[in-house]
Amino acid sequence: MELTINGKVENLEVSTVMDVLKAKDIDPQLVAVEVNTEMIDQENLGTTSLKENDKLEFLFFMGGGA
């Protein structure tokens, strides 16, 4: 399935948001996910289905500061 992830077109064999996170080895606890401009709750990552040409944005939590 062709998806746009953080602005980059990728072809992945996935059906849910959680499948994408697993395929890309991303810890779901360390990322916020937006699908077609809609934020997805953590508890819905495994049940949110994807379709051809969906646009995903991953926002990563980072520590730091002074």
N, C-alpha and C. Protein backbone atom coordinates (compact mmCIF):
# COMPACT_ATOMS: atom_id res chain seq x y z
N MET A 1 0.84 -1.17 0.00
CA MET A 1 0.00 0.00 0.00
C MET A 1 0.89 1.24 0.00
N GLU A 2 0.54 2.20 -0.82
CA GLU A 2 1.32 3.44 -0.88
C GLU A 2 0.79 4.42 0.15
N LEU A 3 1.69 4.87 1.03
CA LEU A 3 1.38 5.83 2.08
C LEU A 3 2.40 6.96 2.03
N THR A 4 2.00 8.12 2.48
CA THR A 4 2.95 9.22 2.65
C THR A 4 3.20 9.36 4.15
N ILE A 5 4.46 9.16 4.54
CA ILE A 5 4.84 9.20 5.94
C ILE A 5 5.84 10.33 6.14
N ASN A 6 5.43 11.33 6.93
CA ASN A 6 6.26 12.52 7.15
C ASN A 6 6.77 13.11 5.84
N GLY A 7 5.87 13.16 4.85
CA GLY A 7 6.18 13.78 3.57
C GLY A 7 6.87 12.90 2.56
N LYS A 8 7.18 11.65 2.92
CA LYS A 8 7.89 10.74 2.02
C LYS A 8 6.95 9.59 1.62
N VAL A 9 6.82 9.34 0.32
CA VAL A 9 5.98 8.26 -0.17
C VAL A 9 6.69 6.93 0.07
N GLU A 10 5.96 5.99 0.69
CA GLU A 10 6.51 4.67 0.98
C GLU A 10 5.48 3.60 0.62
N ASN A 11 5.97 2.43 0.24
CA ASN A 11 5.11 1.28 -0.03
C ASN A 11 5.33 0.27 1.08
N LEU A 12 4.26 -0.01 1.84
CA LEU A 12 4.34 -0.95 2.95
C LEU A 12 3.15 -1.91 2.89
N GLU A 13 3.37 -3.14 3.33
CA GLU A 13 2.29 -4.11 3.43
C GLU A 13 1.74 -4.04 4.85
N VAL A 14 0.80 -3.12 5.06
CA VAL A 14 0.23 -2.87 6.39
C VAL A 14 -1.26 -2.67 6.26
N SER A 15 -1.97 -2.76 7.39
CA SER A 15 -3.40 -2.47 7.36
C SER A 15 -3.81 -1.48 8.46
N THR A 16 -2.99 -1.35 9.52
CA THR A 16 -3.32 -0.42 10.60
C THR A 16 -2.12 0.48 10.91
N VAL A 17 -2.38 1.50 11.69
CA VAL A 17 -1.31 2.40 12.12
C VAL A 17 -0.26 1.62 12.92
N MET A 18 -0.71 0.72 13.80
CA MET A 18 0.23 -0.07 14.60
C MET A 18 1.14 -0.92 13.70
N ASP A 19 0.60 -1.44 12.60
CA ASP A 19 1.41 -2.20 11.65
C ASP A 19 2.55 -1.34 11.10
N VAL A 20 2.25 -0.09 10.81
CA VAL A 20 3.28 0.83 10.29
C VAL A 20 4.36 1.05 11.35
N LEU A 21 3.93 1.29 12.58
CA LEU A 21 4.91 1.52 13.65
C LEU A 21 5.80 0.29 13.83
N LYS A 22 5.23 -0.90 13.80
CA LYS A 22 6.03 -2.12 13.92
C LYS A 22 6.97 -2.29 12.74
N ALA A 23 6.49 -2.03 11.54
CA ALA A 23 7.32 -2.17 10.33
C ALA A 23 8.51 -1.21 10.36
N LYS A 24 8.32 -0.05 10.97
CA LYS A 24 9.38 0.94 11.02
C LYS A 24 10.13 0.91 12.35
N ASP A 25 9.83 -0.08 13.19
CA ASP A 25 10.49 -0.27 14.49
C ASP A 25 10.40 0.99 15.35
N ILE A 26 9.17 1.53 15.47
CA ILE A 26 8.92 2.73 16.27
C ILE A 26 8.11 2.33 17.49
N ASP A 27 8.60 2.74 18.66
CA ASP A 27 7.89 2.48 19.92
C ASP A 27 6.65 3.36 19.98
N PRO A 28 5.45 2.78 20.04
CA PRO A 28 4.23 3.58 20.04
C PRO A 28 4.09 4.51 21.25
N GLN A 29 4.84 4.25 22.31
CA GLN A 29 4.80 5.12 23.48
C GLN A 29 5.59 6.41 23.29
N LEU A 30 6.42 6.45 22.26
CA LEU A 30 7.30 7.60 22.05
C LEU A 30 6.91 8.47 20.86
N VAL A 31 5.68 8.26 20.35
CA VAL A 31 5.27 8.98 19.15
C VAL A 31 3.79 9.33 19.21
N ALA A 32 3.47 10.50 18.66
CA ALA A 32 2.07 10.87 18.43
C ALA A 32 1.84 10.69 16.93
N VAL A 33 0.65 10.21 16.57
CA VAL A 33 0.39 9.89 15.17
C VAL A 33 -0.82 10.66 14.66
N GLU A 34 -0.64 11.21 13.47
CA GLU A 34 -1.72 11.92 12.79
C GLU A 34 -1.96 11.21 11.46
N VAL A 35 -3.22 10.90 11.15
CA VAL A 35 -3.58 10.30 9.87
C VAL A 35 -4.53 11.25 9.16
N ASN A 36 -4.12 11.72 8.00
CA ASN A 36 -4.93 12.66 7.22
C ASN A 36 -5.41 13.83 8.09
N THR A 37 -4.49 14.42 8.82
CA THR A 37 -4.67 15.59 9.70
C THR A 37 -5.49 15.32 10.96
N GLU A 38 -5.81 14.06 11.27
CA GLU A 38 -6.55 13.72 12.48
C GLU A 38 -5.64 12.98 13.46
N MET A 39 -5.53 13.51 14.69
CA MET A 39 -4.72 12.84 15.70
C MET A 39 -5.38 11.52 16.10
N ILE A 40 -4.56 10.48 16.27
CA ILE A 40 -5.05 9.16 16.65
C ILE A 40 -4.66 8.90 18.11
N ASP A 41 -5.65 8.54 18.93
CA ASP A 41 -5.37 8.21 20.33
C ASP A 41 -4.53 6.95 20.40
N GLN A 42 -3.64 6.89 21.40
CA GLN A 42 -2.75 5.73 21.59
C GLN A 42 -3.54 4.42 21.59
N GLU A 43 -4.68 4.39 22.27
CA GLU A 43 -5.43 3.13 22.38
C GLU A 43 -6.09 2.71 21.06
N ASN A 44 -6.07 3.59 20.05
CA ASN A 44 -6.68 3.25 18.76
C ASN A 44 -5.67 2.95 17.66
N LEU A 45 -4.39 2.92 17.99
CA LEU A 45 -3.37 2.67 16.96
C LEU A 45 -3.55 1.32 16.27
N GLY A 46 -3.94 0.31 17.04
CA GLY A 46 -4.09 -1.03 16.48
C GLY A 46 -5.39 -1.24 15.74
N THR A 47 -6.35 -0.33 15.91
CA THR A 47 -7.65 -0.49 15.26
C THR A 47 -7.92 0.55 14.18
N THR A 48 -7.00 1.49 14.01
CA THR A 48 -7.18 2.51 12.98
C THR A 48 -6.68 1.96 11.65
N SER A 49 -7.63 1.68 10.76
CA SER A 49 -7.30 1.12 9.44
C SER A 49 -6.77 2.19 8.51
N LEU A 50 -5.91 1.76 7.62
CA LEU A 50 -5.34 2.66 6.62
C LEU A 50 -5.81 2.26 5.24
N LYS A 51 -5.80 3.24 4.34
CA LYS A 51 -6.14 2.96 2.95
C LYS A 51 -5.09 3.59 2.04
N GLU A 52 -5.08 3.16 0.81
CA GLU A 52 -4.13 3.66 -0.19
C GLU A 52 -4.09 5.19 -0.17
N ASN A 53 -2.88 5.73 -0.20
CA ASN A 53 -2.61 7.17 -0.29
C ASN A 53 -2.92 7.96 0.99
N ASP A 54 -3.11 7.28 2.12
CA ASP A 54 -3.27 8.01 3.38
C ASP A 54 -1.97 8.75 3.69
N LYS A 55 -2.11 9.84 4.44
CA LYS A 55 -0.95 10.64 4.84
C LYS A 55 -0.79 10.54 6.35
N LEU A 56 0.37 10.06 6.79
CA LEU A 56 0.67 9.91 8.20
C LEU A 56 1.77 10.87 8.59
N GLU A 57 1.64 11.43 9.78
CA GLU A 57 2.69 12.25 10.37
C GLU A 57 3.02 11.66 11.73
N PHE A 58 4.31 11.43 11.97
CA PHE A 58 4.78 10.93 13.26
C PHE A 58 5.48 12.08 13.98
N LEU A 59 5.04 12.36 15.19
CA LEU A 59 5.63 13.41 16.00
C LEU A 59 6.30 12.74 17.19
N PHE A 60 7.62 12.84 17.26
CA PHE A 60 8.38 12.13 18.27
C PHE A 60 8.62 12.98 19.50
N PHE A 61 8.51 12.36 20.66
CA PHE A 61 8.78 13.03 21.93
C PHE A 61 10.28 12.94 22.21
N MET A 62 10.87 14.08 22.55
CA MET A 62 12.30 14.12 22.83
C MET A 62 12.54 14.89 24.13
N GLY A 63 13.50 14.42 24.87
CA GLY A 63 13.89 15.12 26.08
C GLY A 63 15.01 16.10 25.78
N GLY A 64 15.30 16.89 26.76
CA GLY A 64 16.41 17.82 26.58
C GLY A 64 16.08 19.17 27.17
N GLY A 65 16.92 20.09 26.91
CA GLY A 65 16.73 21.44 27.43
C GLY A 65 17.89 21.84 28.33
N ALA A 66 17.82 23.03 28.79
CA ALA A 66 18.92 23.54 29.60
C ALA A 66 18.52 23.64 31.05
